Amino acid sequence: MRDRTRRWAWLGVLVTGLILYIVVLRTLVHTQNPNFVPSLILLGATVVPLSFLTFAQARTGRWQVPASTLVIAGFFGGVIGIVVAGTLEYNSLRGLGVLPMVLVAVIEESAKLIVPVVLLFWILSRHGRRLPSDGLVIGVASGMGFAALETMGYAFTALLSSDGNIGAVEETLFIRGLTSPAGHTAWTGLTAGALWALISSPSGKRVVQFLLTFVGAVALHTCWDTFTNLWAYIILGAISIGWLFIELARYRTFSEHTLGGRFGQAVTV
């Protein structure tokens, strides 16, 4: 019963978030009070990414990453990631005069890994446990924070450029919020999971897998920023989400096999 509740918790998060969003939107429209705009942007930018994080967390296997760790990954991963990425992109643009999309992708995918790497060494020092599934869900949290803050920025820009048109804000929140699991959230989950898999079982093969995963995430990110066609977004989103689910299932099997072997040895001894 507890496992079933945990697996469907994401739906509760999504429904609750959507209800709160609608309540805030209706209140904003009814009162015409601009003080509700920040609440609308916050909810619109976080409901879908947070629901997806809850979904992924419930499917990581026997062990769950503590909620406090996910909060740290989401908050600091988002803030530090977006500040570092924004600074590097600005400096690169000033130095090069142009900012290629592939460079943007490399910078952002690297910046989003800063907090997951710090958490990796923190967990190692505290618990000595380093499961790839933990890395994947922490990466999802970091990517979620980054995506939410970026969406808030685009929504605020839409508000200003449209002279306060709430419809433009809603459109931005809807499009970016709906596609966030297939973007930053999935890409950072993939790279962080591959990194933790490398640390959990170091080998030349794992190094190659991590590098290929990072290159794949950069390629998907570059294509996402380059193309403007709806079908391109659908195809890229399907690849990103599908790849993440495949890795999540593989890491879960790896985790259960590893932990099962350890417990078996403990009982035997």
Protein backbone atom coordinates (compact mmCIF):
# COMPACT_ATOMS: atom_id res chain seq x y z
CA MET A 1 0.00 0.00 0.00
CA ARG A 2 2.82 2.35 0.89
CA ASP A 3 4.61 1.63 -2.40
CA ARG A 4 1.42 2.26 -4.36
CA THR A 5 0.88 5.58 -2.59
CA ARG A 6 4.48 6.55 -3.28
CA ARG A 7 4.22 5.64 -6.97
CA TRP A 8 1.12 7.80 -7.45
CA ALA A 9 2.22 10.72 -5.29
CA TRP A 10 3.20 12.67 -8.42
CA LEU A 11 -0.45 12.82 -9.48
CA GLY A 12 -1.38 14.40 -6.15
CA VAL A 13 1.39 16.97 -6.57
CA LEU A 14 0.22 17.77 -10.11
CA VAL A 15 -3.47 18.09 -9.25
CA THR A 16 -2.80 20.16 -6.12
CA GLY A 17 -0.44 22.44 -8.01
CA LEU A 18 -2.89 22.95 -10.88
CA ILE A 19 -5.71 23.77 -8.46
CA LEU A 20 -3.54 26.35 -6.70
CA TYR A 21 -2.52 27.82 -10.07
CA ILE A 22 -6.14 28.17 -11.18
CA VAL A 23 -7.13 29.73 -7.86
CA VAL A 24 -4.33 32.30 -8.09
CA LEU A 25 -5.11 33.01 -11.77
CA ARG A 26 -8.82 33.54 -11.11
CA THR A 27 -8.03 35.79 -8.15
CA LEU A 28 -5.59 37.81 -10.27
CA VAL A 29 -8.14 38.25 -13.06
CA HIS A 30 -10.95 39.08 -10.64
CA THR A 31 -9.06 41.60 -8.50
CA GLN A 32 -6.67 42.93 -11.17
CA ASN A 33 -4.09 43.02 -8.39
CA PRO A 34 -0.53 42.69 -9.82
CA ASN A 35 0.70 41.39 -6.46
CA PHE A 36 -0.58 37.95 -7.52
CA VAL A 37 1.65 37.82 -10.62
CA PRO A 38 4.76 36.46 -8.78
CA SER A 39 2.65 33.67 -7.24
CA LEU A 40 1.24 32.81 -10.66
CA ILE A 41 4.70 32.67 -12.23
CA LEU A 42 6.11 30.60 -9.35
CA LEU A 43 3.34 28.00 -9.53
CA GLY A 44 3.30 27.90 -13.33
CA ALA A 45 7.05 27.32 -13.47
CA THR A 46 7.30 24.65 -10.76
CA VAL A 47 4.17 22.47 -10.80
CA VAL A 48 5.07 20.20 -13.75
CA PRO A 49 8.83 19.89 -12.97
CA LEU A 50 8.07 19.11 -9.31
CA SER A 51 5.49 16.50 -10.34
CA PHE A 52 8.02 14.87 -12.64
CA LEU A 53 10.63 14.85 -9.86
CA THR A 54 8.12 13.11 -7.56
CA PHE A 55 7.42 10.61 -10.35
CA ALA A 56 11.10 9.80 -10.83
CA GLN A 57 11.79 9.66 -7.09
CA ALA A 58 9.12 6.99 -6.63
CA ARG A 59 10.82 4.75 -9.18
CA THR A 60 14.42 4.77 -8.01
CA GLY A 61 14.26 1.40 -6.25
CA ARG A 62 14.55 0.26 -2.67
CA TRP A 63 16.20 3.39 -1.31
CA GLN A 64 14.88 6.90 -1.57
CA VAL A 65 16.97 10.04 -1.67
CA PRO A 66 16.02 12.11 1.42
CA ALA A 67 13.67 15.00 0.72
CA SER A 68 16.17 17.41 2.26
CA THR A 69 18.78 16.36 -0.30
CA LEU A 70 16.35 16.90 -3.16
CA VAL A 71 15.44 20.34 -1.83
CA ILE A 72 19.14 21.25 -1.70
CA ALA A 73 19.68 19.88 -5.21
CA GLY A 74 16.66 21.69 -6.60
CA PHE A 75 17.23 25.05 -4.94
CA PHE A 76 21.00 25.38 -5.01
CA GLY A 77 21.36 23.41 -8.23
CA GLY A 78 18.96 25.80 -9.92
CA VAL A 79 20.36 29.03 -8.47
CA ILE A 80 24.05 28.15 -8.77
CA GLY A 81 23.54 26.54 -12.17
CA ILE A 82 21.70 29.47 -13.70
CA VAL A 83 24.09 32.08 -12.21
CA VAL A 84 27.21 30.22 -13.37
CA ALA A 85 25.72 29.51 -16.80
CA GLY A 86 24.51 33.09 -17.24
CA THR A 87 27.89 34.52 -16.26
CA LEU A 88 29.87 32.20 -18.53
CA GLU A 89 27.52 32.78 -21.44
CA TYR A 90 27.79 36.55 -21.00
CA ASN A 91 31.59 36.46 -20.81
CA SER A 92 31.77 34.12 -23.83
CA LEU A 93 29.52 36.41 -25.83
CA ARG A 94 31.68 39.42 -25.00
CA GLY A 95 34.86 37.56 -25.88
CA LEU A 96 33.68 35.82 -29.05
CA GLY A 97 31.13 38.33 -30.30
CA VAL A 98 28.76 35.42 -30.98
CA LEU A 99 27.47 32.58 -28.84
CA PRO A 100 27.02 29.26 -30.70
CA MET A 101 24.14 27.12 -29.46
CA VAL A 102 26.47 24.19 -28.86
CA LEU A 103 28.55 26.34 -26.51
CA VAL A 104 25.41 27.38 -24.64
CA ALA A 105 24.52 23.71 -24.25
CA VAL A 106 27.99 22.76 -22.97
CA ILE A 107 28.00 25.62 -20.45
CA GLU A 108 24.51 24.93 -19.12
CA GLU A 109 24.89 21.14 -18.92
CA SER A 110 28.16 21.59 -17.03
CA ALA A 111 26.79 24.26 -14.68
CA LYS A 112 23.82 22.07 -13.71
CA LEU A 113 26.20 19.32 -12.55
CA ILE A 114 27.98 21.48 -9.96
CA VAL A 115 25.59 20.80 -7.07
CA PRO A 116 25.03 17.09 -7.92
CA VAL A 117 28.82 16.59 -7.82
CA VAL A 118 29.07 18.34 -4.44
CA LEU A 119 26.21 16.19 -3.11
CA LEU A 120 27.93 13.08 -4.41
CA PHE A 121 31.01 13.67 -2.29
CA TRP A 122 28.85 14.74 0.66
CA ILE A 123 26.83 11.51 0.52
CA LEU A 124 30.03 9.50 0.15
CA SER A 125 31.51 11.10 3.26
CA ARG A 126 28.32 10.65 5.30
CA HIS A 127 26.90 7.33 4.12
CA GLY A 128 29.41 5.70 1.80
CA ARG A 129 26.53 4.90 -0.59
CA ARG A 130 26.62 5.98 -4.22
CA LEU A 131 23.84 4.40 -6.25
CA PRO A 132 23.39 5.54 -9.87
CA SER A 133 19.64 5.87 -9.31
CA ASP A 134 20.36 8.38 -6.53
CA GLY A 135 22.49 10.40 -8.92
CA LEU A 136 19.77 10.35 -11.56
CA VAL A 137 17.03 11.67 -9.27
CA ILE A 138 19.37 14.30 -7.77
CA GLY A 139 20.21 15.36 -11.32
CA VAL A 140 16.49 15.57 -12.09
CA ALA A 141 16.08 17.83 -9.03
CA SER A 142 18.95 20.08 -10.11
CA GLY A 143 17.62 20.29 -13.66
CA MET A 144 14.15 20.99 -12.29
CA GLY A 145 15.43 23.96 -10.29
CA PHE A 146 17.30 25.31 -13.31
CA ALA A 147 14.29 24.87 -15.61
CA ALA A 148 11.92 26.50 -13.11
CA LEU A 149 14.11 29.58 -12.66
CA GLU A 150 14.63 29.89 -16.40
CA THR A 151 10.88 29.63 -16.98
CA MET A 152 10.26 32.34 -14.37
CA GLY A 153 12.71 34.58 -16.21
CA TYR A 154 11.01 34.02 -19.57
CA ALA A 155 7.57 34.58 -18.03
CA PHE A 156 8.70 37.84 -16.45
CA THR A 157 10.22 38.95 -19.76
CA ALA A 158 6.93 38.09 -21.52
CA LEU A 159 5.06 40.19 -18.96
CA LEU A 160 7.28 43.21 -19.59
CA SER A 161 7.47 42.91 -23.38
CA SER A 162 3.66 42.55 -23.66
CA ASP A 163 2.94 45.57 -21.45
CA GLY A 164 1.46 43.45 -18.68
CA ASN A 165 -0.54 40.99 -20.80
CA ILE A 166 -1.29 38.02 -18.51
CA GLY A 167 -2.22 35.93 -21.55
CA ALA A 168 1.38 36.13 -22.78
CA VAL A 169 2.60 35.01 -19.36
CA GLU A 170 0.17 32.09 -19.33
CA GLU A 171 1.30 30.98 -22.78
CA THR A 172 4.95 31.08 -21.75
CA LEU A 173 4.30 29.19 -18.53
CA PHE A 174 2.20 26.58 -20.31
CA ILE A 175 4.70 25.84 -23.09
CA ARG A 176 7.86 25.91 -20.99
CA GLY A 177 6.30 24.22 -17.97
CA LEU A 178 4.82 21.41 -20.05
CA THR A 179 8.09 20.73 -21.90
CA SER A 180 10.44 21.09 -18.91
CA PRO A 181 10.60 17.34 -18.07
CA ALA A 182 11.86 16.66 -21.60
CA GLY A 183 14.50 19.40 -21.39
CA HIS A 184 16.80 20.44 -18.56
CA THR A 185 15.20 17.99 -16.12
CA ALA A 186 15.85 14.91 -18.26
CA TRP A 187 19.28 15.97 -19.54
CA THR A 188 20.71 16.66 -16.09
CA GLY A 189 19.19 13.46 -14.73
CA LEU A 190 20.93 11.50 -17.47
CA THR A 191 24.35 13.08 -17.00
CA ALA A 192 24.24 12.97 -13.19
CA GLY A 193 23.13 9.34 -13.25
CA ALA A 194 25.98 8.42 -15.61
CA LEU A 195 28.45 10.27 -13.40
CA TRP A 196 27.30 8.44 -10.27
CA ALA A 197 27.42 5.13 -12.14
CA LEU A 198 31.04 5.90 -12.96
CA ILE A 199 31.86 6.67 -9.34
CA SER A 200 29.98 3.61 -8.06
CA SER A 201 31.88 1.25 -10.34
CA PRO A 202 34.93 2.99 -11.90
CA SER A 203 36.10 1.56 -15.21
CA GLY A 204 37.13 2.66 -18.65
CA LYS A 205 33.73 1.59 -19.95
CA ARG A 206 31.98 3.79 -17.40
CA VAL A 207 34.13 6.76 -18.38
CA VAL A 208 33.15 6.30 -22.01
CA GLN A 209 29.48 5.93 -21.04
CA PHE A 210 29.56 9.15 -19.04
CA LEU A 211 31.26 11.08 -21.84
CA LEU A 212 28.81 9.73 -24.42
CA THR A 213 25.88 10.59 -22.15
CA PHE A 214 27.17 14.12 -21.67
CA VAL A 215 27.72 14.54 -25.40
CA GLY A 216 24.24 13.17 -26.06
CA ALA A 217 22.70 15.62 -23.59
CA VAL A 218 24.60 18.50 -25.20
CA ALA A 219 23.45 17.38 -28.65
CA LEU A 220 19.80 17.20 -27.56
CA HIS A 221 20.10 20.60 -25.85
CA THR A 222 21.69 22.14 -28.95
CA CYS A 223 18.98 20.76 -31.24
CA TRP A 224 16.27 21.96 -28.84
CA ASP A 225 17.63 25.51 -28.94
CA THR A 226 18.22 25.41 -32.70
CA PHE A 227 14.96 24.07 -34.10
CA THR A 228 11.64 25.88 -33.81
CA ASN A 229 9.41 23.24 -35.39
CA LEU A 230 6.75 21.58 -33.22
CA TRP A 231 7.53 18.13 -34.56
CA ALA A 232 11.20 18.61 -33.79
CA TYR A 233 10.32 19.38 -30.16
CA ILE A 234 8.06 16.32 -29.98
CA ILE A 235 10.79 14.04 -31.37
CA LEU A 236 13.52 15.52 -29.14
CA GLY A 237 11.24 15.34 -26.11
CA ALA A 238 10.37 11.71 -26.80
CA ILE A 239 14.06 10.83 -27.14
CA SER A 240 14.98 12.65 -23.90
CA ILE A 241 12.15 11.18 -21.80
CA GLY A 242 12.53 7.70 -23.31
CA TRP A 243 16.26 7.68 -22.67
CA LEU A 244 15.74 8.83 -19.09
CA PHE A 245 13.18 6.08 -18.39
CA ILE A 246 15.50 3.45 -19.87
CA GLU A 247 18.38 4.59 -17.68
CA LEU A 248 16.11 4.82 -14.62
CA ALA A 249 15.02 1.20 -15.09
CA ARG A 250 18.61 0.07 -15.69
CA TYR A 251 19.97 1.89 -12.64
CA ARG A 252 17.15 0.53 -10.51
CA THR A 253 18.02 -3.02 -11.53
CA PHE A 254 21.68 -2.31 -10.81
CA SER A 255 20.86 -0.86 -7.39
CA GLU A 256 18.59 -3.71 -6.34
CA HIS A 257 21.11 -6.30 -7.53
CA THR A 258 23.97 -4.57 -5.70
CA LEU A 259 22.06 -4.03 -2.47
CA GLY A 260 20.55 -7.50 -2.62
CA GLY A 261 24.02 -9.00 -2.87
CA ARG A 262 25.26 -6.98 0.07
CA PHE A 263 22.29 -7.96 2.23
CA GLY A 264 22.71 -11.58 1.24
CA GLN A 265 26.35 -11.51 2.30
CA ALA A 266 25.43 -9.85 5.57
CA VAL A 267 22.88 -12.57 6.42
CA THR A 268 25.30 -15.34 5.51
CA VAL A 269 28.05 -13.92 7.71
